[in-house]
Amino acid sequence: MNQSHTDYTSRFAIDPVAAAAMGTDELRHNFHIDGLFQPGRISLTYTHYDRMIVGGAVPTDAALQLETIKPTGTKNFLDRRELIAVNIGGAGVIKAGGQSFELQARDMLYLGMGIADVSFASADADAPAKFYLLSAPAHQAWPSRLIRIGDAKRLDLGSKDTCNERSIFQFIHADGVKTCQLVVGMTQLAPGSVWNTMPCHVHDRRMEAYLYFDLAETARVFHFMGEPDETRHIVMGNEEAVLSPGWSIHSGAGTSNYAFIWAMAGDNVDYTDVDPVALSDLR
């Protein structure tokens, strides 16, 4: 019998009253995710926020097979799920359902419900691919699609004056790839800019997860969460993720510029369906 190369943990949903009473360690235990990118391993976190799975796969000398995990309750991982993989490392290959997809850094692959035999490989074991994995329950099978970073819908927003000059790359949007509920994109902050998602918002219809990356080893992002009038922060390092329940703001400020991948799952796929929060209402 082959030895498993997959690790997984579960995170239960936390309500805003409980979160408001948490200290640093409790907040990190419930919302912060590290250790996603382990060489030769697939690391998954199954969350009870819209059943989103957040994970990482780092193939080295051998390909890594996407195995099912107990919380999905299915024979194959994608029997009742869809998946998006974003490569933030070296060149890699994903094989799925008899097809092969080559991904360079910052390319994304969507895989629909029902696809079996999914594997991840690196073009060079010394410069391995790092596949950031996002999965949510699906109700129908949409076609697999590879989206190059150059093909994503780009929006340039913010300004140097407010320290939030940034480029948003929408991989999934209303006029592009069809999904059941996953909405994923990437934001790159310009040099000298540090703020993301400010002014902030909430969207009780969808949870969200952020992966911060391209951050110097000694740099940090202070990620802000909580209800607008009861905010908290979590200190984030490079290639670490954070969960944002629908009731929580999700914003951050870094000690330098950085990039992050945002992913949502929930009741709709309308990127603009948010409830803005005025800066004057933050506490």
C-alpha atoms as a PDB file:
ATOM      1  CA  MET A   1       0.000   0.000   0.000  1.00  0.00           C
ATOM      2  CA  ASN A   2       1.362   3.444  -0.951  1.00  0.00           C
ATOM      3  CA  GLN A   3       2.118   5.783   1.912  1.00  0.00           C
ATOM      4  CA  SER A   4      -0.047   8.897   1.981  1.00  0.00           C
ATOM      5  CA  HIS A   5       1.612  12.217   1.209  1.00  0.00           C
ATOM      6  CA  THR A   6      -1.397  14.267   2.359  1.00  0.00           C
ATOM      7  CA  ASP A   7      -1.892  15.994   5.704  1.00  0.00           C
ATOM      8  CA  TYR A   8      -5.109  17.693   6.748  1.00  0.00           C
ATOM      9  CA  THR A   9      -6.625  19.543   9.658  1.00  0.00           C
ATOM     10  CA  SER A  10     -10.090  20.973  10.294  1.00  0.00           C
ATOM     11  CA  ARG A  11     -11.208  24.415  11.447  1.00  0.00           C
ATOM     12  CA  PHE A  12     -14.634  24.889  12.976  1.00  0.00           C
ATOM     13  CA  ALA A  13     -16.668  28.044  12.460  1.00  0.00           C
ATOM     14  CA  ILE A  14     -16.288  30.794  15.078  1.00  0.00           C
ATOM     15  CA  ASP A  15     -18.990  33.381  15.799  1.00  0.00           C
ATOM     16  CA  PRO A  16     -18.163  37.089  16.254  1.00  0.00           C
ATOM     17  CA  VAL A  17     -18.933  37.137  19.993  1.00  0.00           C
ATOM     18  CA  ALA A  18     -16.470  34.297  20.646  1.00  0.00           C
ATOM     19  CA  ALA A  19     -13.835  35.893  18.395  1.00  0.00           C
ATOM     20  CA  ALA A  20     -14.103  39.220  20.235  1.00  0.00           C
ATOM     21  CA  ALA A  21     -13.042  37.510  23.464  1.00  0.00           C
ATOM     22  CA  MET A  22     -10.003  35.744  21.992  1.00  0.00           C
ATOM     23  CA  GLY A  23      -6.397  36.576  22.661  1.00  0.00           C
ATOM     24  CA  THR A  24      -3.526  36.318  20.202  1.00  0.00           C
ATOM     25  CA  ASP A  25      -2.961  32.560  20.465  1.00  0.00           C
ATOM     26  CA  GLU A  26      -6.666  31.749  20.136  1.00  0.00           C
ATOM     27  CA  LEU A  27      -7.066  34.002  17.114  1.00  0.00           C
ATOM     28  CA  ARG A  28      -4.102  32.397  15.392  1.00  0.00           C
ATOM     29  CA  HIS A  29      -5.291  28.886  16.238  1.00  0.00           C
ATOM     30  CA  ASN A  30      -8.709  29.506  14.715  1.00  0.00           C
ATOM     31  CA  PHE A  31      -8.001  31.782  11.745  1.00  0.00           C
ATOM     32  CA  HIS A  32      -4.294  31.649  10.819  1.00  0.00           C
ATOM     33  CA  ILE A  33      -2.911  28.894   8.552  1.00  0.00           C
ATOM     34  CA  ASP A  34       0.817  28.237   8.143  1.00  0.00           C
ATOM     35  CA  GLY A  35       2.851  25.282   6.880  1.00  0.00           C
ATOM     36  CA  LEU A  36       0.939  25.125   3.603  1.00  0.00           C
ATOM     37  CA  PHE A  37       3.961  24.537   1.393  1.00  0.00           C
ATOM     38  CA  GLN A  38       5.906  21.503   2.575  1.00  0.00           C
ATOM     39  CA  PRO A  39       8.284  19.842   0.060  1.00  0.00           C
ATOM     40  CA  GLY A  40       6.897  16.545  -1.193  1.00  0.00           C
ATOM     41  CA  ARG A  41       3.572  17.001   0.625  1.00  0.00           C
ATOM     42  CA  ILE A  42      -0.012  18.155   0.125  1.00  0.00           C
ATOM     43  CA  SER A  43      -1.263  20.110   3.147  1.00  0.00           C
ATOM     44  CA  LEU A  44      -4.996  20.815   3.448  1.00  0.00           C
ATOM     45  CA  THR A  45      -7.171  22.715   5.912  1.00  0.00           C
ATOM     46  CA  TYR A  46     -10.851  21.803   5.808  1.00  0.00           C
ATOM     47  CA  THR A  47     -12.888  24.734   7.095  1.00  0.00           C
ATOM     48  CA  HIS A  48     -16.504  24.910   8.238  1.00  0.00           C
ATOM     49  CA  TYR A  49     -16.864  28.292   6.541  1.00  0.00           C
ATOM     50  CA  ASP A  50     -18.857  27.346   3.439  1.00  0.00           C
ATOM     51  CA  ARG A  51     -16.890  24.046   3.479  1.00  0.00           C
ATOM     52  CA  MET A  52     -13.915  25.761   1.847  1.00  0.00           C
ATOM     53  CA  ILE A  53     -10.669  23.765   1.723  1.00  0.00           C
ATOM     54  CA  VAL A  54      -7.422  25.752   1.696  1.00  0.00           C
ATOM     55  CA  GLY A  55      -4.211  23.928   0.885  1.00  0.00           C
ATOM     56  CA  GLY A  56      -0.813  23.702  -0.725  1.00  0.00           C
ATOM     57  CA  ALA A  57       1.043  21.132  -2.825  1.00  0.00           C
ATOM     58  CA  VAL A  58       4.811  21.162  -3.388  1.00  0.00           C
ATOM     59  CA  PRO A  59       5.898  18.311  -5.682  1.00  0.00           C
ATOM     60  CA  THR A  60       9.648  17.695  -5.810  1.00  0.00           C
ATOM     61  CA  ASP A  61      11.198  14.532  -7.307  1.00  0.00           C
ATOM     62  CA  ALA A  62       7.865  12.783  -7.796  1.00  0.00           C
ATOM     63  CA  ALA A  63       4.346  13.836  -8.702  1.00  0.00           C
ATOM     64  CA  LEU A  64       1.798  14.205  -5.906  1.00  0.00           C
ATOM     65  CA  GLN A  65      -1.622  12.617  -6.320  1.00  0.00           C
ATOM     66  CA  LEU A  66      -4.655  14.526  -5.036  1.00  0.00           C
ATOM     67  CA  GLU A  67      -6.108  12.145  -2.460  1.00  0.00           C
ATOM     68  CA  THR A  68      -9.516  12.366  -0.885  1.00  0.00           C
ATOM     69  CA  ILE A  69      -9.749  13.216   2.809  1.00  0.00           C
ATOM     70  CA  LYS A  70     -12.248  11.987   5.367  1.00  0.00           C
ATOM     71  CA  PRO A  71     -14.217  15.266   5.778  1.00  0.00           C
ATOM     72  CA  THR A  72     -15.295  15.258   2.102  1.00  0.00           C
ATOM     73  CA  GLY A  73     -17.011  11.879   2.565  1.00  0.00           C
ATOM     74  CA  THR A  74     -16.425  10.920  -1.071  1.00  0.00           C
ATOM     75  CA  LYS A  75     -14.372   8.317  -2.927  1.00  0.00           C
ATOM     76  CA  ASN A  76     -12.508  10.942  -4.931  1.00  0.00           C
ATOM     77  CA  PHE A  77     -11.641  14.470  -3.837  1.00  0.00           C
ATOM     78  CA  LEU A  78     -13.634  16.157  -6.615  1.00  0.00           C
ATOM     79  CA  ASP A  79     -16.670  13.880  -6.681  1.00  0.00           C
ATOM     80  CA  ARG A  80     -18.796  16.716  -5.234  1.00  0.00           C
ATOM     81  CA  ARG A  81     -16.315  19.594  -5.351  1.00  0.00           C
ATOM     82  CA  GLU A  82     -14.536  22.043  -7.638  1.00  0.00           C
ATOM     83  CA  LEU A  83     -10.916  23.148  -7.257  1.00  0.00           C
ATOM     84  CA  ILE A  84      -8.654  26.032  -8.211  1.00  0.00           C
ATOM     85  CA  ALA A  85      -4.856  25.733  -8.119  1.00  0.00           C
ATOM     86  CA  VAL A  86      -2.669  28.849  -8.360  1.00  0.00           C
ATOM     87  CA  ASN A  87       1.054  28.360  -8.877  1.00  0.00           C
ATOM     88  CA  ILE A  88       3.231  30.727  -6.828  1.00  0.00           C
ATOM     89  CA  GLY A  89       6.495  28.799  -7.356  1.00  0.00           C
ATOM     90  CA  GLY A  90       8.533  27.381 -10.234  1.00  0.00           C
ATOM     91  CA  ALA A  91       7.083  25.899 -13.404  1.00  0.00           C
ATOM     92  CA  GLY A  92       4.766  22.954 -12.848  1.00  0.00           C
ATOM     93  CA  VAL A  93       2.345  20.538 -14.461  1.00  0.00           C
ATOM     94  CA  ILE A  94      -1.108  19.465 -13.331  1.00  0.00           C
ATOM     95  CA  LYS A  95      -2.607  16.336 -14.856  1.00  0.00           C
ATOM     96  CA  ALA A  96      -6.351  15.916 -14.451  1.00  0.00           C
ATOM     97  CA  GLY A  97      -8.908  13.683 -16.127  1.00  0.00           C
ATOM     98  CA  GLY A  98      -6.511  12.679 -18.898  1.00  0.00           C
ATOM     99  CA  GLN A  99      -5.438  16.267 -19.670  1.00  0.00           C
ATOM    100  CA  SER A 100      -2.113  17.945 -18.908  1.00  0.00           C
ATOM    101  CA  PHE A 101      -1.748  21.642 -18.007  1.00  0.00           C
ATOM    102  CA  GLU A 102       1.553  23.545 -17.733  1.00  0.00           C
ATOM    103  CA  LEU A 103       1.523  26.376 -15.203  1.00  0.00           C
ATOM    104  CA  GLN A 104       4.121  29.088 -14.847  1.00  0.00           C
ATOM    105  CA  ALA A 105       4.304  31.351 -11.807  1.00  0.00           C
ATOM    106  CA  ARG A 106       0.951  33.047 -11.087  1.00  0.00           C
ATOM    107  CA  ASP A 107      -1.029  30.957 -13.562  1.00  0.00           C
ATOM    108  CA  MET A 108      -4.287  29.380 -12.371  1.00  0.00           C
ATOM    109  CA  LEU A 109      -6.128  26.162 -13.233  1.00  0.00           C
ATOM    110  CA  TYR A 110      -9.828  25.511 -12.595  1.00  0.00           C
ATOM    111  CA  LEU A 111     -10.997  21.889 -12.284  1.00  0.00           C
ATOM    112  CA  GLY A 112     -14.701  21.078 -12.208  1.00  0.00           C
ATOM    113  CA  MET A 113     -16.730  18.576 -10.241  1.00  0.00           C
ATOM    114  CA  GLY A 114     -16.223  14.891 -11.028  1.00  0.00           C
ATOM    115  CA  ILE A 115     -12.661  14.989 -12.349  1.00  0.00           C
ATOM    116  CA  ALA A 116     -10.506  12.138 -11.095  1.00  0.00           C
ATOM    117  CA  ASP A 117      -6.798  11.269 -11.249  1.00  0.00           C
ATOM    118  CA  VAL A 118      -5.453  14.731 -10.408  1.00  0.00           C
ATOM    119  CA  SER A 119      -1.697  15.034  -9.862  1.00  0.00           C
ATOM    120  CA  PHE A 120       0.821  17.832  -9.351  1.00  0.00           C
ATOM    121  CA  ALA A 121       4.416  17.848 -10.633  1.00  0.00           C
ATOM    122  CA  SER A 122       7.334  20.278 -10.869  1.00  0.00           C
ATOM    123  CA  ALA A 123       9.405  20.928 -13.976  1.00  0.00           C
ATOM    124  CA  ASP A 124      12.508  21.223 -11.776  1.00  0.00           C
ATOM    125  CA  ALA A 125      12.723  19.631  -8.338  1.00  0.00           C
ATOM    126  CA  ASP A 126      15.319  22.218  -7.301  1.00  0.00           C
ATOM    127  CA  ALA A 127      12.874  25.035  -8.120  1.00  0.00           C
ATOM    128  CA  PRO A 128       9.559  23.329  -7.348  1.00  0.00           C
ATOM    129  CA  ALA A 129       6.107  24.538  -8.179  1.00  0.00           C
ATOM    130  CA  LYS A 130       4.026  25.693  -5.227  1.00  0.00           C
ATOM    131  CA  PHE A 131       0.372  25.078  -5.924  1.00  0.00           C
ATOM    132  CA  TYR A 132      -2.041  27.003  -3.693  1.00  0.00           C
ATOM    133  CA  LEU A 133      -5.242  24.942  -3.572  1.00  0.00           C
ATOM    134  CA  LEU A 134      -8.796  26.170  -3.020  1.00  0.00           C
ATOM    135  CA  SER A 135     -11.840  23.921  -3.123  1.00  0.00           C
ATOM    136  CA  ALA A 136     -15.551  24.280  -2.388  1.00  0.00           C
ATOM    137  CA  PRO A 137     -18.651  22.101  -2.866  1.00  0.00           C
ATOM    138  CA  ALA A 138     -20.091  22.116  -6.380  1.00  0.00           C
ATOM    139  CA  HIS A 139     -23.552  21.439  -7.809  1.00  0.00           C
ATOM    140  CA  GLN A 140     -22.623  20.932 -11.466  1.00  0.00           C
ATOM    141  CA  ALA A 141     -19.576  20.168 -13.602  1.00  0.00           C
ATOM    142  CA  TRP A 142     -18.002  23.121 -15.407  1.00  0.00           C
ATOM    143  CA  PRO A 143     -15.153  22.631 -17.944  1.00  0.00           C
ATOM    144  CA  SER A 144     -11.545  22.742 -16.799  1.00  0.00           C
ATOM    145  CA  ARG A 145      -9.785  25.984 -17.724  1.00  0.00           C
ATOM    146  CA  LEU A 146      -6.209  27.226 -17.534  1.00  0.00           C
ATOM    147  CA  ILE A 147      -5.870  30.993 -17.020  1.00  0.00           C
ATOM    148  CA  ARG A 148      -2.497  32.626 -17.549  1.00  0.00           C
ATOM    149  CA  ILE A 149      -1.757  35.637 -15.389  1.00  0.00           C
ATOM    150  CA  GLY A 150      -1.623  37.701 -18.577  1.00  0.00           C
ATOM    151  CA  ASP A 151      -5.166  36.637 -19.466  1.00  0.00           C
ATOM    152  CA  ALA A 152      -6.714  37.603 -16.114  1.00  0.00           C
ATOM    153  CA  LYS A 153      -8.942  40.675 -15.952  1.00  0.00           C
ATOM    154  CA  ARG A 154      -6.717  43.460 -14.602  1.00  0.00           C
ATOM    155  CA  LEU A 155      -7.820  46.490 -12.599  1.00  0.00           C
ATOM    156  CA  ASP A 156      -5.323  49.163 -11.486  1.00  0.00           C
ATOM    157  CA  LEU A 157      -6.554  50.941  -8.377  1.00  0.00           C
ATOM    158  CA  GLY A 158      -5.428  53.127  -5.491  1.00  0.00           C
ATOM    159  CA  SER A 159      -2.722  55.766  -5.332  1.00  0.00           C
ATOM    160  CA  LYS A 160       0.680  56.494  -3.843  1.00  0.00           C
ATOM    161  CA  ASP A 161      -0.902  59.184  -1.666  1.00  0.00           C
ATOM    162  CA  THR A 162      -2.952  56.570   0.196  1.00  0.00           C
ATOM    163  CA  CYS A 163      -0.225  53.882   0.097  1.00  0.00           C
ATOM    164  CA  ASN A 164      -2.500  51.446  -1.725  1.00  0.00           C
ATOM    165  CA  GLU A 165      -1.461  51.579  -5.374  1.00  0.00           C
ATOM    166  CA  ARG A 166      -2.221  48.067  -6.573  1.00  0.00           C
ATOM    167  CA  SER A 167      -3.134  45.831  -9.498  1.00  0.00           C
ATOM    168  CA  ILE A 168      -6.002  43.376  -9.108  1.00  0.00           C
ATOM    169  CA  PHE A 169      -6.046  40.290 -11.323  1.00  0.00           C
ATOM    170  CA  GLN A 170      -9.466  38.649 -11.461  1.00  0.00           C
ATOM    171  CA  PHE A 171      -9.075  34.999 -12.483  1.00  0.00           C
ATOM    172  CA  ILE A 172     -12.777  34.255 -11.998  1.00  0.00           C
ATOM    173  CA  HIS A 173     -15.365  36.880 -12.939  1.00  0.00           C
ATOM    174  CA  ALA A 174     -18.826  37.148 -14.485  1.00  0.00           C
ATOM    175  CA  ASP A 175     -17.559  37.309 -18.084  1.00  0.00           C
ATOM    176  CA  GLY A 176     -14.909  34.594 -17.736  1.00  0.00           C
ATOM    177  CA  VAL A 177     -14.531  31.063 -16.422  1.00  0.00           C
ATOM    178  CA  LYS A 178     -17.690  29.536 -14.956  1.00  0.00           C
ATOM    179  CA  THR A 179     -17.631  28.098 -11.435  1.00  0.00           C
ATOM    180  CA  CYS A 180     -20.258  26.945  -8.974  1.00  0.00           C
ATOM    181  CA  GLN A 181     -19.145  29.179  -6.119  1.00  0.00           C
ATOM    182  CA  LEU A 182     -15.388  29.767  -6.143  1.00  0.00           C
ATOM    183  CA  VAL A 183     -14.246  33.321  -6.895  1.00  0.00           C
ATOM    184  CA  VAL A 184     -10.472  33.808  -6.958  1.00  0.00           C
ATOM    185  CA  GLY A 185      -8.066  36.597  -7.819  1.00  0.00           C
ATOM    186  CA  MET A 186      -4.691  38.072  -6.965  1.00  0.00           C
ATOM    187  CA  THR A 187      -3.621  41.542  -5.861  1.00  0.00           C
ATOM    188  CA  GLN A 188      -0.106  42.938  -6.317  1.00  0.00           C
ATOM    189  CA  LEU A 189       0.854  46.060  -4.373  1.00  0.00           C
ATOM    190  CA  ALA A 190       3.232  48.517  -6.024  1.00  0.00           C
ATOM    191  CA  PRO A 191       6.554  49.408  -4.345  1.00  0.00           C
ATOM    192  CA  GLY A 192       5.896  51.897  -1.573  1.00  0.00           C
ATOM    193  CA  SER A 193       2.288  50.759  -1.089  1.00  0.00           C
ATOM    194  CA  VAL A 194       1.287  48.623   1.880  1.00  0.00           C
ATOM    195  CA  TRP A 195      -2.513  48.818   2.428  1.00  0.00           C
ATOM    196  CA  ASN A 196      -4.947  46.286   0.982  1.00  0.00           C
ATOM    197  CA  THR A 197      -8.746  46.372   0.956  1.00  0.00           C
ATOM    198  CA  MET A 198      -9.058  49.729   2.652  1.00  0.00           C
ATOM    199  CA  PRO A 199     -11.677  51.130   3.005  1.00  0.00           C
ATOM    200  CA  CYS A 200     -12.776  47.657   3.974  1.00  0.00           C
ATOM    201  CA  HIS A 201     -16.041  45.747   3.660  1.00  0.00           C
ATOM    202  CA  VAL A 202     -17.893  42.641   4.776  1.00  0.00           C
ATOM    203  CA  HIS A 203     -20.028  40.189   2.800  1.00  0.00           C
ATOM    204  CA  ASP A 204     -22.069  37.867   4.981  1.00  0.00           C
ATOM    205  CA  ARG A 205     -22.998  35.914   1.847  1.00  0.00           C
ATOM    206  CA  ARG A 206     -19.455  34.632   1.315  1.00  0.00           C
ATOM    207  CA  MET A 207     -16.435  33.649   3.375  1.00  0.00           C
ATOM    208  CA  GLU A 208     -12.976  34.627   2.168  1.00  0.00           C
ATOM    209  CA  ALA A 209      -9.395  33.445   2.537  1.00  0.00           C
ATOM    210  CA  TYR A 210      -6.204  35.438   1.915  1.00  0.00           C
ATOM    211  CA  LEU A 211      -2.776  33.993   1.108  1.00  0.00           C
ATOM    212  CA  TYR A 212       0.019  36.532   1.551  1.00  0.00           C
ATOM    213  CA  PHE A 213       3.162  35.901  -0.521  1.00  0.00           C
ATOM    214  CA  ASP A 214       6.100  37.619  -2.226  1.00  0.00           C
ATOM    215  CA  LEU A 215       6.868  39.030   1.208  1.00  0.00           C
ATOM    216  CA  ALA A 216      10.475  39.353   2.368  1.00  0.00           C
ATOM    217  CA  GLU A 217      11.516  36.921   5.088  1.00  0.00           C
ATOM    218  CA  THR A 218      11.868  39.725   7.619  1.00  0.00           C
ATOM    219  CA  ALA A 219       8.697  41.580   6.548  1.00  0.00           C
ATOM    220  CA  ARG A 220       5.199  41.134   7.956  1.00  0.00           C
ATOM    221  CA  VAL A 221       1.614  42.035   7.135  1.00  0.00           C
ATOM    222  CA  PHE A 222      -0.734  43.078   9.924  1.00  0.00           C
ATOM    223  CA  HIS A 223      -4.042  41.533   8.838  1.00  0.00           C
ATOM    224  CA  PHE A 224      -7.145  43.108  10.342  1.00  0.00           C
ATOM    225  CA  MET A 225     -10.260  41.074  11.079  1.00  0.00           C
ATOM    226  CA  GLY A 226     -13.356  41.131  13.264  1.00  0.00           C
ATOM    227  CA  GLU A 227     -16.661  42.965  13.169  1.00  0.00           C
ATOM    228  CA  PRO A 228     -16.211  46.597  12.080  1.00  0.00           C
ATOM    229  CA  ASP A 229     -16.736  47.907  15.601  1.00  0.00           C
ATOM    230  CA  GLU A 230     -14.660  45.138  17.275  1.00  0.00           C
ATOM    231  CA  THR A 231     -11.483  44.691  15.228  1.00  0.00           C
ATOM    232  CA  ARG A 232      -8.488  42.472  15.918  1.00  0.00           C
ATOM    233  CA  HIS A 233      -5.235  41.799  14.067  1.00  0.00           C
ATOM    234  CA  ILE A 234      -3.149  38.775  13.121  1.00  0.00           C
ATOM    235  CA  VAL A 235       0.518  39.105  12.157  1.00  0.00           C
ATOM    236  CA  MET A 236       1.212  37.312   8.849  1.00  0.00           C
ATOM    237  CA  GLY A 237       4.491  36.054   7.388  1.00  0.00           C
ATOM    238  CA  ASN A 238       5.327  35.025   3.840  1.00  0.00           C
ATOM    239  CA  GLU A 239       3.165  32.259   2.307  1.00  0.00           C
ATOM    240  CA  GLU A 240       0.744  32.199   5.225  1.00  0.00           C
ATOM    241  CA  ALA A 241      -3.039  32.223   4.902  1.00  0.00           C
ATOM    242  CA  VAL A 242      -5.861  33.622   7.002  1.00  0.00           C
ATOM    243  CA  LEU A 243      -9.568  32.779   7.108  1.00  0.00           C
ATOM    244  CA  SER A 244     -12.219  35.482   7.055  1.00  0.00           C
ATOM    245  CA  PRO A 245     -15.790  34.574   8.093  1.00  0.00           C
ATOM    246  CA  GLY A 246     -18.616  36.390   6.354  1.00  0.00           C
ATOM    247  CA  TRP A 247     -19.125  38.692   9.357  1.00  0.00           C
ATOM    248  CA  SER A 248     -15.504  39.855   9.443  1.00  0.00           C
ATOM    249  CA  ILE A 249     -13.597  42.619   7.714  1.00  0.00           C
ATOM    250  CA  HIS A 250     -10.464  41.516   5.854  1.00  0.00           C
ATOM    251  CA  SER A 251      -7.784  44.106   5.335  1.00  0.00           C
ATOM    252  CA  GLY A 252      -4.102  44.529   5.981  1.00  0.00           C
ATOM    253  CA  ALA A 253      -1.037  46.748   6.074  1.00  0.00           C
ATOM    254  CA  GLY A 254       2.505  45.501   5.511  1.00  0.00           C
ATOM    255  CA  THR A 255       6.001  46.594   6.421  1.00  0.00           C
ATOM    256  CA  SER A 256       6.705  46.479   2.666  1.00  0.00           C
ATOM    257  CA  ASN A 257       4.742  45.763  -0.496  1.00  0.00           C
ATOM    258  CA  TYR A 258       3.576  42.195  -1.182  1.00  0.00           C
ATOM    259  CA  ALA A 259       1.047  40.143  -3.124  1.00  0.00           C
ATOM    260  CA  PHE A 260      -1.936  38.145  -1.959  1.00  0.00           C
ATOM    261  CA  ILE A 261      -4.451  35.700  -3.390  1.00  0.00           C
ATOM    262  CA  TRP A 262      -8.056  36.172  -2.314  1.00  0.00           C
ATOM    263  CA  ALA A 263     -10.654  33.456  -2.628  1.00  0.00           C
ATOM    264  CA  MET A 264     -14.349  33.386  -1.785  1.00  0.00           C
ATOM    265  CA  ALA A 265     -17.057  30.738  -1.544  1.00  0.00           C
ATOM    266  CA  GLY A 266     -20.693  31.102  -0.589  1.00  0.00           C
ATOM    267  CA  ASP A 267     -24.102  32.118  -1.860  1.00  0.00           C
ATOM    268  CA  ASN A 268     -23.131  33.992  -5.020  1.00  0.00           C
ATOM    269  CA  VAL A 269     -20.209  34.759  -7.318  1.00  0.00           C
ATOM    270  CA  ASP A 270     -20.815  38.508  -7.633  1.00  0.00           C
ATOM    271  CA  TYR A 271     -17.450  40.111  -6.914  1.00  0.00           C
ATOM    272  CA  THR A 272     -19.055  43.528  -6.345  1.00  0.00           C
ATOM    273  CA  ASP A 273     -21.697  42.307  -3.864  1.00  0.00           C
ATOM    274  CA  VAL A 274     -20.156  43.731  -0.690  1.00  0.00           C
ATOM    275  CA  ASP A 275     -21.273  45.854   2.248  1.00  0.00           C
ATOM    276  CA  PRO A 276     -18.835  48.795   2.530  1.00  0.00           C
ATOM    277  CA  VAL A 277     -17.574  49.900   5.933  1.00  0.00           C
ATOM    278  CA  ALA A 278     -16.751  53.567   6.463  1.00  0.00           C
ATOM    279  CA  LEU A 279     -13.416  54.313   8.104  1.00  0.00           C
ATOM    280  CA  SER A 280     -15.272  56.358  10.704  1.00  0.00           C
ATOM    281  CA  ASP A 281     -17.155  53.215  11.789  1.00  0.00           C
ATOM    282  CA  LEU A 282     -14.064  51.126  12.526  1.00  0.00           C
ATOM    283  CA  ARG A 283     -13.179  50.522  16.154  1.00  0.00           C
END
